[in-house]
C-alpha atoms as a PDB file:
ATOM      1  CA  MET A   1      45.115 138.243 142.287  1.00  0.00           C
ATOM      2  CA  ARG A   2      48.899 137.725 141.972  1.00  0.00           C
ATOM      3  CA  ARG A   3      49.407 141.425 141.323  1.00  0.00           C
ATOM      4  CA  ASP A   4      47.441 142.373 144.440  1.00  0.00           C
ATOM      5  CA  LEU A   5      49.357 139.862 146.551  1.00  0.00           C
ATOM      6  CA  GLY A   6      52.593 141.356 145.250  1.00  0.00           C
ATOM      7  CA  ARG A   7      51.417 144.848 146.153  1.00  0.00           C
ATOM      8  CA  LEU A   8      50.506 143.597 149.616  1.00  0.00           C
ATOM      9  CA  ARG A   9      54.017 142.169 150.004  1.00  0.00           C
ATOM     10  CA  VAL A  10      55.513 145.515 149.016  1.00  0.00           C
ATOM     11  CA  PHE A  11      53.418 147.290 151.654  1.00  0.00           C
ATOM     12  CA  ALA A  12      54.541 144.702 154.215  1.00  0.00           C
ATOM     13  CA  PHE A  13      58.216 145.116 153.310  1.00  0.00           C
ATOM     14  CA  VAL A  14      58.027 148.910 153.403  1.00  0.00           C
ATOM     15  CA  ALA A  15      56.101 148.911 156.706  1.00  0.00           C
ATOM     16  CA  VAL A  16      58.709 146.714 158.388  1.00  0.00           C
ATOM     17  CA  SER A  17      61.527 148.772 156.885  1.00  0.00           C
ATOM     18  CA  LEU A  18      59.983 152.043 158.037  1.00  0.00           C
ATOM     19  CA  ALA A  19      59.451 150.700 161.544  1.00  0.00           C
ATOM     20  CA  VAL A  20      63.109 149.696 161.803  1.00  0.00           C
ATOM     21  CA  LEU A  21      64.478 152.856 160.163  1.00  0.00           C
ATOM     22  CA  THR A  22      62.434 155.315 162.199  1.00  0.00           C
ATOM     23  CA  LEU A  23      63.177 153.536 165.458  1.00  0.00           C
ATOM     24  CA  GLY A  24      66.832 154.489 165.101  1.00  0.00           C
ATOM     25  CA  VAL A  25      66.048 158.072 164.106  1.00  0.00           C
ATOM     26  CA  ILE A  26      63.624 158.729 166.963  1.00  0.00           C
ATOM     27  CA  ASN A  27      66.449 158.697 169.513  1.00  0.00           C
ATOM     28  CA  GLU A  28      68.421 161.285 167.549  1.00  0.00           C
ATOM     29  CA  GLU A  29      65.531 163.726 167.147  1.00  0.00           C
ATOM     30  CA  SER A  30      63.766 163.265 170.464  1.00  0.00           C
ATOM     31  CA  ASP A  31      65.137 166.525 171.861  1.00  0.00           C
ATOM     32  CA  ILE A  32      62.560 168.616 169.947  1.00  0.00           C
ATOM     33  CA  LEU A  33      59.049 167.156 169.832  1.00  0.00           C
ATOM     34  CA  LEU A  34      58.047 168.722 166.487  1.00  0.00           C
ATOM     35  CA  HIS A  35      61.172 167.284 164.866  1.00  0.00           C
ATOM     36  CA  ALA A  36      60.434 163.797 166.155  1.00  0.00           C
ATOM     37  CA  LEU A  37      56.671 163.930 165.618  1.00  0.00           C
ATOM     38  CA  ASP A  38      56.825 162.563 162.076  1.00  0.00           C
ATOM     39  CA  GLU A  39      59.058 159.665 163.142  1.00  0.00           C
ATOM     40  CA  TYR A  40      56.714 158.806 166.029  1.00  0.00           C
ATOM     41  CA  ALA A  41      53.728 158.906 163.662  1.00  0.00           C
ATOM     42  CA  ILE A  42      55.442 156.855 160.948  1.00  0.00           C
ATOM     43  CA  PHE A  43      56.647 154.292 163.490  1.00  0.00           C
ATOM     44  CA  THR A  44      53.167 153.989 165.004  1.00  0.00           C
ATOM     45  CA  LEU A  45      51.431 153.701 161.636  1.00  0.00           C
ATOM     46  CA  SER A  46      54.006 151.137 160.480  1.00  0.00           C
ATOM     47  CA  ILE A  47      53.295 149.019 163.550  1.00  0.00           C
ATOM     48  CA  VAL A  48      49.558 149.354 162.856  1.00  0.00           C
ATOM     49  CA  ALA A  49      50.148 148.204 159.262  1.00  0.00           C
ATOM     50  CA  ILE A  50      52.185 145.215 160.458  1.00  0.00           C
ATOM     51  CA  LEU A  51      49.500 144.260 162.971  1.00  0.00           C
ATOM     52  CA  LEU A  52      46.819 144.543 160.289  1.00  0.00           C
ATOM     53  CA  LEU A  53      48.890 142.323 157.999  1.00  0.00           C
ATOM     54  CA  VAL A  54      49.121 139.699 160.715  1.00  0.00           C
ATOM     55  CA  ALA A  55      45.428 139.978 161.586  1.00  0.00           C
ATOM     56  CA  TRP A  56      44.337 139.722 157.938  1.00  0.00           C
ATOM     57  CA  ARG A  57      46.784 137.022 156.833  1.00  0.00           C
ATOM     58  CA  LYS A  58      44.000 134.465 156.214  1.00  0.00           C
ATOM     59  CA  LYS A  59      41.780 136.778 154.148  1.00  0.00           C
ATOM     60  CA  ARG A  60      42.771 136.043 150.563  1.00  0.00           C
ATOM     61  CA  THR A  61      39.701 136.646 148.432  1.00  0.00           C
ATOM     62  CA  LEU A  62      39.977 139.347 145.783  1.00  0.00           C
ATOM     63  CA  ALA A  63      37.538 141.636 147.597  1.00  0.00           C
ATOM     64  CA  ASP A  64      39.509 141.253 150.837  1.00  0.00           C
ATOM     65  CA  LEU A  65      42.780 142.010 149.065  1.00  0.00           C
ATOM     66  CA  VAL A  66      41.372 145.147 147.470  1.00  0.00           C
ATOM     67  CA  MET A  67      40.040 146.289 150.859  1.00  0.00           C
ATOM     68  CA  GLN A  68      43.422 145.624 152.496  1.00  0.00           C
ATOM     69  CA  LEU A  69      45.286 147.492 149.759  1.00  0.00           C
ATOM     70  CA  ASN A  70      42.970 150.475 150.175  1.00  0.00           C
ATOM     71  CA  VAL A  71      43.542 150.519 153.946  1.00  0.00           C
ATOM     72  CA  PHE A  72      47.311 150.324 153.516  1.00  0.00           C
ATOM     73  CA  GLU A  73      47.201 153.035 150.856  1.00  0.00           C
ATOM     74  CA  VAL A  74      45.413 155.353 153.288  1.00  0.00           C
ATOM     75  CA  LEU A  75      47.945 154.554 156.032  1.00  0.00           C
ATOM     76  CA  PHE A  76      50.853 155.315 153.717  1.00  0.00           C
ATOM     77  CA  VAL A  77      49.268 158.557 152.485  1.00  0.00           C
ATOM     78  CA  ILE A  78      48.915 159.635 156.134  1.00  0.00           C
ATOM     79  CA  MET A  79      52.598 158.767 156.680  1.00  0.00           C
ATOM     80  CA  LEU A  80      53.451 160.841 153.615  1.00  0.00           C
ATOM     81  CA  ALA A  81      51.479 163.786 155.013  1.00  0.00           C
ATOM     82  CA  PHE A  82      53.483 163.583 158.247  1.00  0.00           C
ATOM     83  CA  LYS A  83      56.716 163.509 156.256  1.00  0.00           C
ATOM     84  CA  ILE A  84      55.665 166.597 154.267  1.00  0.00           C
ATOM     85  CA  PHE A  85      54.900 168.300 157.594  1.00  0.00           C
ATOM     86  CA  ALA A  86      58.407 167.341 158.734  1.00  0.00           C
ATOM     87  CA  PHE A  87      59.912 169.150 155.738  1.00  0.00           C
ATOM     88  CA  THR A  88      58.410 172.406 156.983  1.00  0.00           C
ATOM     89  CA  GLN A  89      59.589 171.847 160.553  1.00  0.00           C
ATOM     90  CA  GLU A  90      63.109 170.554 159.948  1.00  0.00           C
ATOM     91  CA  MET A  91      64.191 172.504 156.887  1.00  0.00           C
ATOM     92  CA  SER A  92      66.254 174.968 158.933  1.00  0.00           C
ATOM     93  CA  ASP A  93      68.094 172.298 160.971  1.00  0.00           C
ATOM     94  CA  PRO A  94      70.540 170.322 158.781  1.00  0.00           C
ATOM     95  CA  THR A  95      71.280 167.752 161.507  1.00  0.00           C
ATOM     96  CA  ASP A  96      67.612 166.742 161.743  1.00  0.00           C
ATOM     97  CA  PHE A  97      66.816 167.056 158.032  1.00  0.00           C
ATOM     98  CA  GLY A  98      69.098 164.208 156.906  1.00  0.00           C
ATOM     99  CA  ASP A  99      66.520 161.414 157.133  1.00  0.00           C
ATOM    100  CA  GLU A 100      63.625 163.269 155.523  1.00  0.00           C
ATOM    101  CA  VAL A 101      64.510 162.873 151.853  1.00  0.00           C
ATOM    102  CA  PRO A 102      65.189 159.088 151.817  1.00  0.00           C
ATOM    103  CA  LEU A 103      62.059 158.295 153.820  1.00  0.00           C
ATOM    104  CA  PHE A 104      60.052 160.655 151.610  1.00  0.00           C
ATOM    105  CA  ILE A 105      61.253 158.804 148.498  1.00  0.00           C
ATOM    106  CA  VAL A 106      60.374 155.424 150.050  1.00  0.00           C
ATOM    107  CA  LEU A 107      56.887 156.651 150.974  1.00  0.00           C
ATOM    108  CA  ILE A 108      56.307 158.122 147.494  1.00  0.00           C
ATOM    109  CA  ALA A 109      57.400 154.836 145.909  1.00  0.00           C
ATOM    110  CA  ALA A 110      55.078 152.857 148.204  1.00  0.00           C
ATOM    111  CA  VAL A 111      52.107 155.065 147.364  1.00  0.00           C
ATOM    112  CA  ILE A 112      52.816 154.981 143.617  1.00  0.00           C
ATOM    113  CA  GLN A 113      53.299 151.192 143.463  1.00  0.00           C
ATOM    114  CA  ARG A 114      49.617 150.734 144.298  1.00  0.00           C
ATOM    115  CA  PHE A 115      48.652 152.276 140.959  1.00  0.00           C
ATOM    116  CA  VAL A 116      51.367 150.858 138.714  1.00  0.00           C
END
């Protein structure tokens, strides 16, 4: 139970961090829609994750925690898919590619922490 609560806290921390980090990057990449698409998607899915955390804050049984962790894992895998798509779109533009690698590492770490 403590391990699952810790994993839930990690998802919460990463979701808030991603929402804040991508909000600043969206303004820089908003000139080309395909370059900003991954930031829009990650920001939106981070807000969804935060809202789900707030909505499910009272559900603390083990079955509820496992269900919540599975939902957050799916959300973060979708974010990771958008970030992989961004690699293909922004590889040729070095000014837009600067944020891809750090956010990719954060998303990989968030997905892996569920299984460790």
